[in-house]
C-alpha atoms as a PDB file:
ATOM      1  CA  MET A   1      49.191 -58.958  20.005  1.00  0.00           C
ATOM      2  CA  SER A   2      50.470 -60.042  16.900  1.00  0.00           C
ATOM      3  CA  GLY A   3      51.073 -57.192  14.459  1.00  0.00           C
ATOM      4  CA  PHE A   4      51.208 -53.465  14.268  1.00  0.00           C
ATOM      5  CA  GLY A   5      47.912 -52.345  15.273  1.00  0.00           C
ATOM      6  CA  GLY A   6      48.433 -48.339  15.246  1.00  0.00           C
ATOM      7  CA  LEU A   7      48.823 -45.344  17.486  1.00  0.00           C
ATOM      8  CA  ALA A   8      46.992 -46.421  20.163  1.00  0.00           C
ATOM      9  CA  SER A   9      49.104 -49.387  20.377  1.00  0.00           C
ATOM     10  CA  LEU A  10      52.384 -47.475  21.213  1.00  0.00           C
ATOM     11  CA  GLU A  11      51.434 -44.344  23.430  1.00  0.00           C
ATOM     12  CA  GLY A  12      53.482 -44.909  26.380  1.00  0.00           C
ATOM     13  CA  ARG A  13      57.341 -45.259  27.273  1.00  0.00           C
ATOM     14  CA  TRP A  14      59.577 -47.770  25.552  1.00  0.00           C
ATOM     15  CA  LEU A  15      63.127 -48.803  26.404  1.00  0.00           C
ATOM     16  CA  MET A  16      65.312 -48.136  23.204  1.00  0.00           C
ATOM     17  CA  ALA A  17      68.562 -50.132  22.489  1.00  0.00           C
ATOM     18  CA  ARG A  18      70.223 -49.135  19.280  1.00  0.00           C
ATOM     19  CA  ASN A  19      73.357 -50.351  17.584  1.00  0.00           C
ATOM     20  CA  ILE A  20      74.833 -48.257  14.467  1.00  0.00           C
ATOM     21  CA  VAL A  21      77.239 -50.348  12.618  1.00  0.00           C
ATOM     22  CA  HIS A  22      79.563 -49.057  10.285  1.00  0.00           C
ATOM     23  CA  ASP A  23      80.667 -49.718   7.111  1.00  0.00           C
ATOM     24  CA  ASP A  24      84.258 -50.065   8.555  1.00  0.00           C
ATOM     25  CA  GLY A  25      83.024 -52.227  11.415  1.00  0.00           C
ATOM     26  CA  ARG A  26      82.600 -49.543  13.707  1.00  0.00           C
ATOM     27  CA  CYS A  27      79.730 -50.057  16.805  1.00  0.00           C
ATOM     28  CA  ASP A  28      78.239 -47.015  17.712  1.00  0.00           C
ATOM     29  CA  VAL A  29      76.119 -47.585  20.569  1.00  0.00           C
ATOM     30  CA  PHE A  30      72.389 -45.860  21.792  1.00  0.00           C
ATOM     31  CA  ASP A  31      70.804 -46.493  25.275  1.00  0.00           C
ATOM     32  CA  GLY A  32      67.983 -44.585  25.962  1.00  0.00           C
ATOM     33  CA  GLU A  33      63.993 -44.441  26.050  1.00  0.00           C
ATOM     34  CA  CYS A  34      61.259 -43.151  24.032  1.00  0.00           C
ATOM     35  CA  VAL A  35      57.979 -41.668  24.581  1.00  0.00           C
ATOM     36  CA  PHE A  36      55.237 -41.883  22.276  1.00  0.00           C
ATOM     37  CA  HIS A  37      52.302 -39.031  23.714  1.00  0.00           C
ATOM     38  CA  ARG A  38      49.337 -37.761  22.179  1.00  0.00           C
ATOM     39  CA  SER A  39      49.225 -33.962  20.313  1.00  0.00           C
ATOM     40  CA  GLY A  40      45.690 -34.045  19.003  1.00  0.00           C
ATOM     41  CA  PRO A  41      44.994 -36.837  16.657  1.00  0.00           C
ATOM     42  CA  ARG A  42      48.841 -37.593  16.634  1.00  0.00           C
ATOM     43  CA  LEU A  43      51.300 -39.407  18.128  1.00  0.00           C
ATOM     44  CA  VAL A  44      54.653 -37.305  18.442  1.00  0.00           C
ATOM     45  CA  GLN A  45      57.766 -39.742  19.478  1.00  0.00           C
ATOM     46  CA  ASP A  46      60.687 -38.272  21.145  1.00  0.00           C
ATOM     47  CA  GLU A  47      63.967 -40.188  21.684  1.00  0.00           C
ATOM     48  CA  THR A  48      66.326 -39.209  24.309  1.00  0.00           C
ATOM     49  CA  GLY A  49      69.131 -40.985  25.126  1.00  0.00           C
ATOM     50  CA  VAL A  50      72.767 -41.150  25.192  1.00  0.00           C
ATOM     51  CA  LEU A  51      75.509 -42.363  22.583  1.00  0.00           C
ATOM     52  CA  THR A  52      78.105 -43.444  22.879  1.00  0.00           C
ATOM     53  CA  GLN A  53      80.723 -43.578  20.198  1.00  0.00           C
ATOM     54  CA  ALA A  54      83.084 -46.268  18.936  1.00  0.00           C
ATOM     55  CA  ARG A  55      86.536 -43.921  18.080  1.00  0.00           C
ATOM     56  CA  GLY A  56      86.180 -43.176  22.069  1.00  0.00           C
ATOM     57  CA  GLY A  57      85.489 -39.745  23.316  1.00  0.00           C
ATOM     58  CA  ALA A  58      82.466 -37.874  25.750  1.00  0.00           C
ATOM     59  CA  ALA A  59      79.201 -39.919  25.468  1.00  0.00           C
ATOM     60  CA  LEU A  60      76.897 -37.310  23.598  1.00  0.00           C
ATOM     61  CA  LYS A  61      72.976 -36.274  24.798  1.00  0.00           C
ATOM     62  CA  ALA A  62      70.975 -37.784  21.474  1.00  0.00           C
ATOM     63  CA  THR A  63      67.603 -36.487  20.885  1.00  0.00           C
ATOM     64  CA  ARG A  64      65.361 -37.664  18.067  1.00  0.00           C
ATOM     65  CA  ARG A  65      61.501 -36.539  17.088  1.00  0.00           C
ATOM     66  CA  TYR A  66      59.247 -38.190  14.946  1.00  0.00           C
ATOM     67  CA  VAL A  67      55.009 -37.155  14.206  1.00  0.00           C
ATOM     68  CA  TRP A  68      53.238 -40.289  13.525  1.00  0.00           C
ATOM     69  CA  SER A  69      49.239 -40.090  12.273  1.00  0.00           C
ATOM     70  CA  GLN A  70      46.891 -42.885  11.088  1.00  0.00           C
ATOM     71  CA  SER A  71      44.949 -42.679   7.989  1.00  0.00           C
ATOM     72  CA  GLU A  72      42.976 -45.061   5.777  1.00  0.00           C
ATOM     73  CA  GLY A  73      44.296 -48.543   7.014  1.00  0.00           C
ATOM     74  CA  ARG A  74      48.170 -46.887   7.252  1.00  0.00           C
ATOM     75  CA  VAL A  75      50.252 -44.814   9.551  1.00  0.00           C
ATOM     76  CA  ASP A  76      52.380 -42.047   8.168  1.00  0.00           C
ATOM     77  CA  ILE A  77      55.919 -41.159   9.805  1.00  0.00           C
ATOM     78  CA  ALA A  78      56.794 -37.353   9.534  1.00  0.00           C
ATOM     79  CA  PHE A  79      60.162 -36.023  10.638  1.00  0.00           C
ATOM     80  CA  GLY A  80      59.620 -33.579  13.407  1.00  0.00           C
ATOM     81  CA  ASP A  81      58.581 -30.393  11.561  1.00  0.00           C
ATOM     82  CA  MET A  82      56.170 -32.569   9.364  1.00  0.00           C
ATOM     83  CA  ARG A  83      57.722 -33.463   6.388  1.00  0.00           C
ATOM     84  CA  PRO A  84      56.591 -37.147   5.379  1.00  0.00           C
ATOM     85  CA  PHE A  85      59.166 -40.086   5.799  1.00  0.00           C
ATOM     86  CA  HIS A  86      57.868 -42.700   5.494  1.00  0.00           C
ATOM     87  CA  SER A  87      54.141 -44.937   5.984  1.00  0.00           C
ATOM     88  CA  VAL A  88      53.571 -48.415   7.645  1.00  0.00           C
ATOM     89  CA  PRO A  89      50.096 -50.753   6.930  1.00  0.00           C
ATOM     90  CA  LEU A  90      48.411 -51.313  10.199  1.00  0.00           C
ATOM     91  CA  GLY A  91      47.996 -54.732  10.875  1.00  0.00           C
ATOM     92  CA  VAL A  92      51.645 -56.082   9.023  1.00  0.00           C
ATOM     93  CA  VAL A  93      53.800 -58.338  11.352  1.00  0.00           C
ATOM     94  CA  THR A  94      57.062 -57.322   8.949  1.00  0.00           C
ATOM     95  CA  TYR A  95      57.021 -54.465   7.019  1.00  0.00           C
ATOM     96  CA  GLU A  96      60.009 -53.079   4.514  1.00  0.00           C
ATOM     97  CA  THR A  97      60.014 -49.557   2.695  1.00  0.00           C
ATOM     98  CA  THR A  98      62.328 -47.348   1.343  1.00  0.00           C
ATOM     99  CA  TYR A  99      62.907 -43.116   1.679  1.00  0.00           C
ATOM    100  CA  LEU A 100      64.860 -41.818  -1.262  1.00  0.00           C
ATOM    101  CA  CYS A 101      66.829 -38.416   0.285  1.00  0.00           C
ATOM    102  CA  PRO A 102      68.860 -38.171  -2.813  1.00  0.00           C
ATOM    103  CA  PRO A 103      72.200 -38.540  -3.279  1.00  0.00           C
ATOM    104  CA  ASP A 104      71.124 -40.990   0.326  1.00  0.00           C
ATOM    105  CA  ARG A 105      68.985 -43.989   0.209  1.00  0.00           C
ATOM    106  CA  TYR A 106      67.073 -44.810   3.909  1.00  0.00           C
ATOM    107  CA  GLU A 107      65.695 -48.995   3.681  1.00  0.00           C
ATOM    108  CA  VAL A 108      63.926 -50.058   6.712  1.00  0.00           C
ATOM    109  CA  SER A 109      62.743 -53.180   8.320  1.00  0.00           C
ATOM    110  CA  TYR A 110      60.073 -53.401  10.552  1.00  0.00           C
ATOM    111  CA  ASP A 111      59.467 -56.735  12.942  1.00  0.00           C
ATOM    112  CA  PHE A 112      56.442 -56.138  14.833  1.00  0.00           C
ATOM    113  CA  THR A 113      56.218 -60.254  15.445  1.00  0.00           C
ATOM    114  CA  GLY A 114      56.937 -59.839  18.657  1.00  0.00           C
ATOM    115  CA  PHE A 115      54.909 -56.993  20.055  1.00  0.00           C
ATOM    116  CA  PRO A 116      54.553 -55.555  22.112  1.00  0.00           C
ATOM    117  CA  ARG A 117      58.528 -55.546  21.597  1.00  0.00           C
ATOM    118  CA  TRP A 118      59.108 -54.662  18.371  1.00  0.00           C
ATOM    119  CA  SER A 119      62.366 -53.163  16.215  1.00  0.00           C
ATOM    120  CA  SER A 120      63.312 -51.595  13.666  1.00  0.00           C
ATOM    121  CA  VAL A 121      66.710 -52.035  10.874  1.00  0.00           C
ATOM    122  CA  TRP A 122      67.456 -49.180   9.003  1.00  0.00           C
ATOM    123  CA  ASN A 123      70.395 -50.122   5.944  1.00  0.00           C
ATOM    124  CA  VAL A 124      71.699 -46.098   5.245  1.00  0.00           C
ATOM    125  CA  MET A 125      73.614 -45.442   2.070  1.00  0.00           C
ATOM    126  CA  GLY A 126      75.114 -42.606   0.287  1.00  0.00           C
ATOM    127  CA  PRO A 127      78.159 -40.751  -0.631  1.00  0.00           C
ATOM    128  CA  ARG A 128      79.103 -40.294   2.530  1.00  0.00           C
ATOM    129  CA  LYS A 129      77.218 -42.397   4.823  1.00  0.00           C
ATOM    130  CA  ASP A 130      77.460 -46.555   4.981  1.00  0.00           C
ATOM    131  CA  TYR A 131      75.591 -47.567   8.186  1.00  0.00           C
ATOM    132  CA  ARG A 132      73.519 -50.413   9.453  1.00  0.00           C
ATOM    133  CA  MET A 133      71.142 -49.307  12.504  1.00  0.00           C
ATOM    134  CA  GLU A 134      69.101 -52.285  14.551  1.00  0.00           C
ATOM    135  CA  THR A 135      66.772 -50.297  17.344  1.00  0.00           C
ATOM    136  CA  GLN A 136      64.625 -52.748  20.004  1.00  0.00           C
ATOM    137  CA  PHE A 137      61.683 -51.425  21.539  1.00  0.00           C
ATOM    138  CA  SER A 138      60.201 -53.041  24.567  1.00  0.00           C
ATOM    139  CA  ARG A 139      57.727 -51.198  26.666  1.00  0.00           C
ATOM    140  CA  THR A 140      58.243 -50.052  30.009  1.00  0.00           C
ATOM    141  CA  ALA A 141      56.419 -51.390  33.271  1.00  0.00           C
ATOM    142  CA  GLY A 142      53.961 -48.227  34.335  1.00  0.00           C
END
């Protein structure tokens, strides 16, 4: 399959490998999985894993939730509480967009070129944050 085909193409379990590179060069690492499961016409994306911080200390359990819904040639992604986040057009191979949450700015780049392997890269800038978050997704067997 080439490009992003919508909600049905995401359903199921995905392995996640994430690096969070801070402006000072530190790199935190998140290893875990992402499950896309149906909730009516939507897909709920639940991420769970372990975050290992470059500063040391105990590894932390980390979770995150988003809600994906499909409409008129695009998929809308919302936060877990249903606040709008951003959209991705259907059928794209790569796509970039920006989410503004003043005073912070979030720029994302999706790459579906090798789907079902895909990635997202977030560049996050603000008064108290400056990092690049790179995530690789690969479908799990079974």
